[in-house]
């Protein structure tokens, strides 16, 4: 009965379930924790292992899923344009307090990272997601960035 109330173009999808995202982010967290684990000196590394690792490198947990449509850059361009009153160019020189950003449905936090790194935003940033694993992943990715830049 619930499916009948949805227009055909809004049919329920597995991607719309919290269980799907909890499982997805749990797998991603496991993946990055094994990639960052110290190597076992007793294990031999073969060319096949190296090839498999290079494939894993393409599956970057910090990647934006919307980059094929250039969405992150479009959002960044809008939020940093002179026409946007809260853009860094309109707040920092004028001595106005840095704007805070709330990212609803933050996923892996890639948009917040982009705004911080390339957008010049320095205010408080908060990412919210209904998947606790998503928030855990975003925090882990942020810590790994901090470790790399420290």
N, C-alpha and C. Protein backbone atom coordinates (compact mmCIF):
# COMPACT_ATOMS: atom_id res chain seq x y z
N UNK A 1 0.82 -1.19 0.00
CA UNK A 1 0.00 0.00 0.00
C UNK A 1 0.86 1.26 0.00
N UNK A 2 1.96 1.24 0.76
CA UNK A 2 2.84 2.42 0.81
C UNK A 2 3.42 2.73 -0.55
N UNK A 3 3.74 1.67 -1.31
CA UNK A 3 4.33 1.91 -2.63
C UNK A 3 3.32 2.54 -3.58
N UNK A 4 2.03 2.24 -3.40
CA UNK A 4 1.01 2.81 -4.27
C UNK A 4 0.89 4.31 -4.10
N UNK A 5 1.23 4.83 -2.93
CA UNK A 5 1.11 6.26 -2.68
C UNK A 5 2.28 7.06 -3.27
N UNK A 6 3.32 6.38 -3.73
CA UNK A 6 4.46 7.06 -4.34
C UNK A 6 4.28 7.16 -5.85
N UNK A 7 4.54 8.32 -6.43
CA UNK A 7 4.59 8.38 -7.89
C UNK A 7 5.68 7.43 -8.38
N UNK A 8 5.55 6.94 -9.59
CA UNK A 8 6.50 5.95 -10.11
C UNK A 8 7.95 6.45 -10.07
N UNK A 9 8.17 7.73 -10.28
CA UNK A 9 9.53 8.26 -10.27
C UNK A 9 10.08 8.41 -8.85
N UNK A 10 9.26 8.17 -7.83
CA UNK A 10 9.72 8.24 -6.45
C UNK A 10 9.57 6.90 -5.74
N UNK A 11 9.72 5.83 -6.48
CA UNK A 11 9.60 4.51 -5.88
C UNK A 11 10.66 4.33 -4.81
N UNK A 12 10.29 3.64 -3.72
CA UNK A 12 11.26 3.40 -2.65
C UNK A 12 12.50 2.68 -3.19
N UNK A 13 13.63 2.99 -2.61
CA UNK A 13 14.90 2.42 -3.03
C UNK A 13 15.67 1.98 -1.80
N UNK A 14 16.53 0.99 -1.99
CA UNK A 14 17.41 0.55 -0.91
C UNK A 14 18.27 1.72 -0.42
N UNK A 15 18.63 2.63 -1.32
CA UNK A 15 19.45 3.78 -0.95
C UNK A 15 18.73 4.72 0.01
N UNK A 16 17.43 4.58 0.12
CA UNK A 16 16.67 5.42 1.02
C UNK A 16 16.50 4.85 2.42
N UNK A 17 17.21 3.76 2.70
CA UNK A 17 17.07 3.15 4.03
C UNK A 17 18.29 3.43 4.89
N UNK A 18 18.02 3.62 6.16
CA UNK A 18 19.11 3.86 7.11
C UNK A 18 20.01 2.63 7.20
N UNK A 19 19.44 1.43 7.15
CA UNK A 19 20.24 0.20 7.22
C UNK A 19 21.28 0.15 6.11
N UNK A 20 20.89 0.56 4.91
CA UNK A 20 21.84 0.56 3.78
C UNK A 20 23.05 1.43 4.11
N UNK A 21 22.79 2.65 4.59
CA UNK A 21 23.89 3.58 4.85
C UNK A 21 24.72 3.17 6.04
N UNK A 22 24.10 2.62 7.08
CA UNK A 22 24.87 2.13 8.23
C UNK A 22 25.84 1.04 7.77
N UNK A 23 25.35 0.12 6.94
CA UNK A 23 26.20 -0.97 6.43
C UNK A 23 27.29 -0.41 5.52
N UNK A 24 26.93 0.51 4.64
CA UNK A 24 27.90 1.11 3.72
C UNK A 24 29.03 1.79 4.48
N UNK A 25 28.68 2.63 5.45
CA UNK A 25 29.70 3.36 6.20
C UNK A 25 30.50 2.45 7.12
N UNK A 26 29.87 1.40 7.65
CA UNK A 26 30.61 0.43 8.47
C UNK A 26 31.67 -0.26 7.62
N UNK A 27 31.32 -0.66 6.39
CA UNK A 27 32.30 -1.28 5.48
C UNK A 27 33.42 -0.30 5.15
N UNK A 28 33.07 0.94 4.91
CA UNK A 28 34.08 1.95 4.57
C UNK A 28 35.02 2.18 5.74
N UNK A 29 34.48 2.25 6.95
CA UNK A 29 35.33 2.41 8.14
C UNK A 29 36.27 1.22 8.30
N UNK A 30 35.77 0.01 8.07
CA UNK A 30 36.61 -1.18 8.15
C UNK A 30 37.70 -1.11 7.10
N UNK A 31 37.34 -0.68 5.90
CA UNK A 31 38.29 -0.57 4.79
C UNK A 31 39.43 0.39 5.13
N UNK A 32 39.08 1.57 5.64
CA UNK A 32 40.16 2.53 5.92
C UNK A 32 40.97 2.12 7.15
N UNK A 33 40.34 1.43 8.09
CA UNK A 33 41.12 1.01 9.27
C UNK A 33 42.12 -0.08 8.89
N UNK A 34 41.78 -0.93 7.92
CA UNK A 34 42.74 -1.96 7.50
C UNK A 34 43.82 -1.36 6.61
N UNK A 35 43.49 -0.31 5.86
CA UNK A 35 44.51 0.35 5.03
C UNK A 35 45.52 1.09 5.89
N UNK A 36 45.10 1.59 7.05
CA UNK A 36 45.99 2.36 7.92
C UNK A 36 46.64 1.50 8.99
N UNK A 37 46.30 0.21 9.01
CA UNK A 37 46.90 -0.68 10.01
C UNK A 37 48.36 -0.92 9.64
N UNK A 38 49.24 -1.07 10.63
CA UNK A 38 50.64 -1.35 10.33
C UNK A 38 50.77 -2.67 9.59
N UNK A 39 51.68 -2.71 8.64
CA UNK A 39 51.90 -3.93 7.86
C UNK A 39 52.52 -5.01 8.73
N UNK A 40 52.13 -6.22 8.46
CA UNK A 40 52.69 -7.38 9.14
C UNK A 40 54.00 -7.72 8.44
N UNK A 41 55.14 -7.67 9.13
CA UNK A 41 56.42 -7.94 8.47
C UNK A 41 56.54 -9.38 7.98
N UNK A 42 55.70 -10.28 8.47
CA UNK A 42 55.74 -11.68 8.05
C UNK A 42 54.98 -11.93 6.76
N UNK A 43 54.20 -10.94 6.31
CA UNK A 43 53.44 -11.11 5.08
C UNK A 43 54.28 -10.66 3.89
N UNK A 44 54.21 -11.46 2.82
CA UNK A 44 54.90 -11.08 1.60
C UNK A 44 53.96 -10.24 0.76
N UNK A 45 54.50 -9.22 0.14
CA UNK A 45 53.71 -8.41 -0.77
C UNK A 45 54.03 -8.85 -2.18
N UNK A 46 52.99 -9.21 -2.91
CA UNK A 46 53.17 -9.64 -4.29
C UNK A 46 52.67 -8.54 -5.21
N UNK A 47 52.97 -8.70 -6.49
CA UNK A 47 52.48 -7.74 -7.47
C UNK A 47 50.96 -7.72 -7.47
N UNK A 48 50.35 -8.88 -7.29
CA UNK A 48 48.88 -8.94 -7.26
C UNK A 48 48.35 -8.13 -6.08
N UNK A 49 49.04 -8.22 -4.93
CA UNK A 49 48.62 -7.44 -3.77
C UNK A 49 48.73 -5.95 -4.08
N UNK A 50 49.82 -5.55 -4.72
CA UNK A 50 50.01 -4.15 -5.04
C UNK A 50 48.95 -3.67 -6.01
N UNK A 51 48.62 -4.51 -7.00
CA UNK A 51 47.57 -4.15 -7.95
C UNK A 51 46.23 -3.99 -7.23
N UNK A 52 45.94 -4.89 -6.30
CA UNK A 52 44.69 -4.81 -5.55
C UNK A 52 44.66 -3.54 -4.72
N UNK A 53 45.80 -3.17 -4.14
CA UNK A 53 45.85 -1.95 -3.34
C UNK A 53 45.62 -0.73 -4.21
N UNK A 54 46.13 -0.74 -5.44
CA UNK A 54 45.93 0.42 -6.29
C UNK A 54 44.46 0.55 -6.68
N UNK A 55 43.76 -0.57 -6.81
CA UNK A 55 42.33 -0.50 -7.06
C UNK A 55 41.63 0.09 -5.85
N UNK A 56 42.05 -0.33 -4.64
CA UNK A 56 41.46 0.20 -3.42
C UNK A 56 41.69 1.70 -3.32
N UNK A 57 42.82 2.19 -3.81
CA UNK A 57 43.10 3.62 -3.74
C UNK A 57 42.07 4.43 -4.51
N UNK A 58 41.49 3.83 -5.57
CA UNK A 58 40.48 4.52 -6.34
C UNK A 58 39.17 4.63 -5.56
N UNK A 59 38.99 3.77 -4.57
CA UNK A 59 37.78 3.78 -3.77
C UNK A 59 38.01 4.65 -2.54
N UNK A 60 38.29 5.91 -2.76
CA UNK A 60 38.63 6.85 -1.69
C UNK A 60 37.39 7.19 -0.88
N UNK A 61 37.40 6.90 0.43
CA UNK A 61 36.23 7.20 1.25
C UNK A 61 35.96 8.69 1.41
N UNK A 62 36.90 9.53 1.02
CA UNK A 62 36.70 10.97 1.11
C UNK A 62 36.17 11.59 -0.17
N UNK A 63 35.88 10.76 -1.15
CA UNK A 63 35.42 11.23 -2.44
C UNK A 63 33.96 11.65 -2.38
N UNK A 64 33.62 12.70 -3.09
CA UNK A 64 32.23 13.12 -3.21
C UNK A 64 31.56 12.32 -4.30
N UNK A 65 30.39 11.79 -4.01
CA UNK A 65 29.67 11.00 -5.00
C UNK A 65 29.06 11.87 -6.08
N UNK A 66 29.03 13.16 -5.89
CA UNK A 66 28.38 14.04 -6.84
C UNK A 66 29.38 14.74 -7.76
N UNK A 67 30.64 14.33 -7.68
CA UNK A 67 31.67 15.02 -8.45
C UNK A 67 31.52 14.80 -9.95
N UNK A 68 30.87 13.70 -10.35
CA UNK A 68 30.68 13.48 -11.79
C UNK A 68 29.82 14.58 -12.41
N UNK A 69 29.00 15.24 -11.61
CA UNK A 69 28.19 16.35 -12.08
C UNK A 69 28.80 17.69 -11.69
N UNK A 70 29.99 17.65 -11.12
CA UNK A 70 30.71 18.84 -10.70
C UNK A 70 29.96 19.62 -9.62
N UNK A 71 29.08 18.92 -8.89
CA UNK A 71 28.25 19.58 -7.87
C UNK A 71 29.08 20.22 -6.75
N UNK A 72 30.08 19.54 -6.19
CA UNK A 72 30.84 20.19 -5.10
C UNK A 72 31.47 21.50 -5.54
N UNK A 73 32.04 21.53 -6.74
CA UNK A 73 32.67 22.77 -7.22
C UNK A 73 31.64 23.86 -7.48
N UNK A 74 30.45 23.47 -7.95
CA UNK A 74 29.40 24.46 -8.18
C UNK A 74 28.94 25.07 -6.86
N UNK A 75 28.78 24.24 -5.83
CA UNK A 75 28.39 24.75 -4.51
C UNK A 75 29.50 25.65 -3.97
N UNK A 76 30.75 25.21 -4.10
CA UNK A 76 31.89 26.00 -3.63
C UNK A 76 31.92 27.35 -4.35
N UNK A 77 31.73 27.33 -5.65
CA UNK A 77 31.76 28.57 -6.43
C UNK A 77 30.66 29.53 -5.96
N UNK A 78 29.47 29.00 -5.70
CA UNK A 78 28.37 29.84 -5.23
C UNK A 78 28.67 30.42 -3.84
N UNK A 79 29.11 29.57 -2.92
CA UNK A 79 29.32 30.01 -1.54
C UNK A 79 30.53 30.93 -1.37
N UNK A 80 31.41 30.97 -2.36
CA UNK A 80 32.58 31.85 -2.26
C UNK A 80 32.50 33.04 -3.22
N UNK A 81 31.39 33.15 -3.95
CA UNK A 81 31.27 34.27 -4.89
C UNK A 81 31.01 35.58 -4.15
N UNK A 82 31.40 36.67 -4.76
CA UNK A 82 31.20 37.99 -4.15
C UNK A 82 29.73 38.31 -3.97
N UNK A 83 28.87 37.65 -4.75
CA UNK A 83 27.43 37.89 -4.65
C UNK A 83 26.81 37.25 -3.41
N UNK A 84 27.50 36.29 -2.81
CA UNK A 84 26.97 35.61 -1.62
C UNK A 84 27.42 36.39 -0.39
N UNK A 85 26.49 36.94 0.40
CA UNK A 85 26.87 37.83 1.50
C UNK A 85 27.72 37.19 2.60
N UNK A 86 27.65 35.87 2.75
CA UNK A 86 28.43 35.21 3.80
C UNK A 86 29.72 34.58 3.28
N UNK A 87 30.08 34.88 2.04
CA UNK A 87 31.32 34.36 1.48
C UNK A 87 32.51 34.95 2.25
N UNK A 88 33.60 34.20 2.36
CA UNK A 88 34.76 34.72 3.08
C UNK A 88 35.22 36.10 2.61
N UNK A 89 35.13 36.35 1.31
CA UNK A 89 35.56 37.66 0.80
C UNK A 89 34.68 38.80 1.30
N UNK A 90 33.47 38.49 1.75
CA UNK A 90 32.56 39.51 2.25
C UNK A 90 32.49 39.59 3.77
N UNK A 91 33.15 38.68 4.45
CA UNK A 91 33.07 38.68 5.91
C UNK A 91 34.41 38.94 6.58
N UNK A 92 35.47 38.34 6.08
CA UNK A 92 36.77 38.45 6.74
C UNK A 92 37.32 39.88 6.69
N UNK A 93 37.41 40.52 5.52
CA UNK A 93 37.97 41.87 5.49
C UNK A 93 37.15 42.87 6.30
N UNK A 94 35.85 42.67 6.36
CA UNK A 94 34.99 43.62 7.06
C UNK A 94 34.99 43.40 8.57
N UNK A 95 35.68 42.37 9.02
CA UNK A 95 35.73 42.10 10.44
C UNK A 95 34.48 41.44 10.98
N UNK A 96 33.61 41.00 10.09
CA UNK A 96 32.40 40.31 10.51
C UNK A 96 32.78 38.91 10.99
N UNK A 97 32.07 38.43 12.00
CA UNK A 97 32.34 37.09 12.53
C UNK A 97 32.22 36.06 11.40
N UNK A 98 33.13 35.10 11.41
CA UNK A 98 33.10 34.04 10.40
C UNK A 98 31.76 33.32 10.48
N UNK A 99 31.12 33.06 9.34
CA UNK A 99 29.84 32.35 9.37
C UNK A 99 30.02 30.90 9.79
N UNK A 100 29.00 30.37 10.44
CA UNK A 100 28.97 28.94 10.79
C UNK A 100 28.26 28.20 9.67
N UNK A 101 28.62 26.93 9.49
CA UNK A 101 28.02 26.13 8.44
C UNK A 101 27.46 24.86 9.03
N UNK A 102 26.21 24.55 8.68
CA UNK A 102 25.55 23.31 9.07
C UNK A 102 25.32 22.52 7.80
N UNK A 103 25.91 21.34 7.70
CA UNK A 103 25.78 20.47 6.53
C UNK A 103 24.84 19.32 6.89
N UNK A 104 23.59 19.41 6.43
CA UNK A 104 22.61 18.37 6.70
C UNK A 104 22.78 17.24 5.69
N UNK A 105 22.87 16.01 6.18
CA UNK A 105 23.14 14.87 5.30
C UNK A 105 24.59 14.89 4.88
N UNK A 106 25.49 15.07 5.82
CA UNK A 106 26.91 15.31 5.55
C UNK A 106 27.63 14.14 4.89
N UNK A 107 27.11 12.92 5.04
CA UNK A 107 27.80 11.77 4.47
C UNK A 107 29.19 11.65 5.04
N UNK A 108 30.20 11.66 4.18
CA UNK A 108 31.58 11.52 4.65
C UNK A 108 32.22 12.87 4.99
N UNK A 109 31.47 13.93 4.94
CA UNK A 109 31.99 15.25 5.31
C UNK A 109 32.81 15.93 4.23
N UNK A 110 32.77 15.40 3.01
CA UNK A 110 33.63 15.93 1.95
C UNK A 110 33.32 17.39 1.60
N UNK A 111 32.05 17.79 1.69
CA UNK A 111 31.71 19.18 1.35
C UNK A 111 32.28 20.13 2.39
N UNK A 112 32.21 19.76 3.66
CA UNK A 112 32.80 20.61 4.70
C UNK A 112 34.31 20.71 4.53
N UNK A 113 34.94 19.59 4.20
CA UNK A 113 36.39 19.60 3.99
C UNK A 113 36.76 20.51 2.81
N UNK A 114 35.96 20.46 1.75
CA UNK A 114 36.20 21.31 0.58
C UNK A 114 36.03 22.79 0.93
N UNK A 115 34.98 23.10 1.67
CA UNK A 115 34.76 24.50 2.07
C UNK A 115 35.89 25.01 2.96
N UNK A 116 36.41 24.16 3.81
CA UNK A 116 37.50 24.56 4.71
C UNK A 116 38.79 24.73 3.91
N UNK A 117 39.09 23.74 3.06
CA UNK A 117 40.38 23.72 2.36
C UNK A 117 40.44 24.73 1.21
N UNK A 118 39.44 24.73 0.35
CA UNK A 118 39.50 25.56 -0.84
C UNK A 118 38.59 26.78 -0.80
N UNK A 119 37.64 26.77 0.14
CA UNK A 119 36.67 27.87 0.17
C UNK A 119 37.03 29.01 1.08
N UNK A 120 37.99 28.79 1.97
CA UNK A 120 38.40 29.86 2.87
C UNK A 120 37.50 30.05 4.07
N UNK A 121 36.57 29.13 4.30
CA UNK A 121 35.69 29.25 5.46
C UNK A 121 36.44 28.85 6.72
N UNK A 122 36.35 29.67 7.76
CA UNK A 122 37.09 29.44 9.00
C UNK A 122 36.17 29.33 10.21
N UNK A 123 34.88 29.53 10.02
CA UNK A 123 33.94 29.47 11.13
C UNK A 123 33.67 28.04 11.58
N UNK A 124 32.77 27.92 12.53
CA UNK A 124 32.36 26.62 13.04
C UNK A 124 31.64 25.85 11.95
N UNK A 125 31.99 24.58 11.79
CA UNK A 125 31.33 23.71 10.82
C UNK A 125 30.81 22.48 11.53
N UNK A 126 29.56 22.13 11.24
CA UNK A 126 28.95 20.95 11.84
C UNK A 126 28.30 20.13 10.73
N UNK A 127 28.64 18.85 10.70
CA UNK A 127 28.01 17.93 9.77
C UNK A 127 27.05 17.03 10.52
N UNK A 128 25.83 16.91 10.01
CA UNK A 128 24.80 16.09 10.64
C UNK A 128 24.32 15.05 9.63
N UNK A 129 24.15 13.83 10.11
CA UNK A 129 23.63 12.77 9.25
C UNK A 129 22.85 11.81 10.13
N UNK A 130 21.82 11.18 9.56
CA UNK A 130 21.06 10.24 10.37
C UNK A 130 21.79 8.93 10.56
N UNK A 131 22.86 8.73 9.84
CA UNK A 131 23.70 7.54 10.00
C UNK A 131 24.85 7.87 10.96
N UNK A 132 24.84 7.22 12.11
CA UNK A 132 25.93 7.44 13.08
C UNK A 132 27.26 7.03 12.48
N UNK A 133 27.26 5.99 11.64
CA UNK A 133 28.50 5.54 10.98
C UNK A 133 29.03 6.61 10.03
N UNK A 134 28.15 7.35 9.40
CA UNK A 134 28.56 8.43 8.52
C UNK A 134 29.35 9.48 9.29
N UNK A 135 28.81 9.87 10.43
CA UNK A 135 29.47 10.88 11.26
C UNK A 135 30.81 10.34 11.76
N UNK A 136 30.83 9.06 12.13
CA UNK A 136 32.08 8.43 12.57
C UNK A 136 33.12 8.45 11.44
N UNK A 137 32.69 8.15 10.21
CA UNK A 137 33.60 8.17 9.07
C UNK A 137 34.10 9.59 8.82
N UNK A 138 33.22 10.57 8.84
CA UNK A 138 33.63 11.96 8.61
C UNK A 138 34.67 12.39 9.64
N UNK A 139 34.45 12.01 10.89
CA UNK A 139 35.42 12.35 11.94
C UNK A 139 36.76 11.65 11.70
N UNK A 140 36.71 10.39 11.31
CA UNK A 140 37.95 9.64 11.05
C UNK A 140 38.72 10.24 9.88
N UNK A 141 38.01 10.62 8.83
CA UNK A 141 38.67 11.25 7.68
C UNK A 141 39.28 12.59 8.08
N UNK A 142 38.59 13.35 8.91
CA UNK A 142 39.12 14.63 9.39
C UNK A 142 40.39 14.41 10.21
N UNK A 143 40.37 13.40 11.08
CA UNK A 143 41.57 13.09 11.87
C UNK A 143 42.73 12.67 10.98
N UNK A 144 42.45 11.90 9.93
CA UNK A 144 43.53 11.47 9.05
C UNK A 144 44.11 12.65 8.28
N UNK A 145 43.27 13.61 7.92
CA UNK A 145 43.76 14.83 7.27
C UNK A 145 44.64 15.62 8.24
N UNK A 146 44.17 15.74 9.48
CA UNK A 146 44.95 16.46 10.49
C UNK A 146 46.31 15.80 10.72
N UNK A 147 46.33 14.45 10.74
CA UNK A 147 47.59 13.73 10.94
C UNK A 147 48.55 13.96 9.77
N UNK A 148 48.01 14.04 8.57
CA UNK A 148 48.86 14.23 7.38
C UNK A 148 49.42 15.65 7.30
N UNK A 149 48.69 16.62 7.83
CA UNK A 149 49.14 18.01 7.73
C UNK A 149 49.89 18.48 8.96
N UNK A 150 49.94 17.64 9.98
CA UNK A 150 50.62 18.05 11.22
C UNK A 150 52.12 17.91 11.10
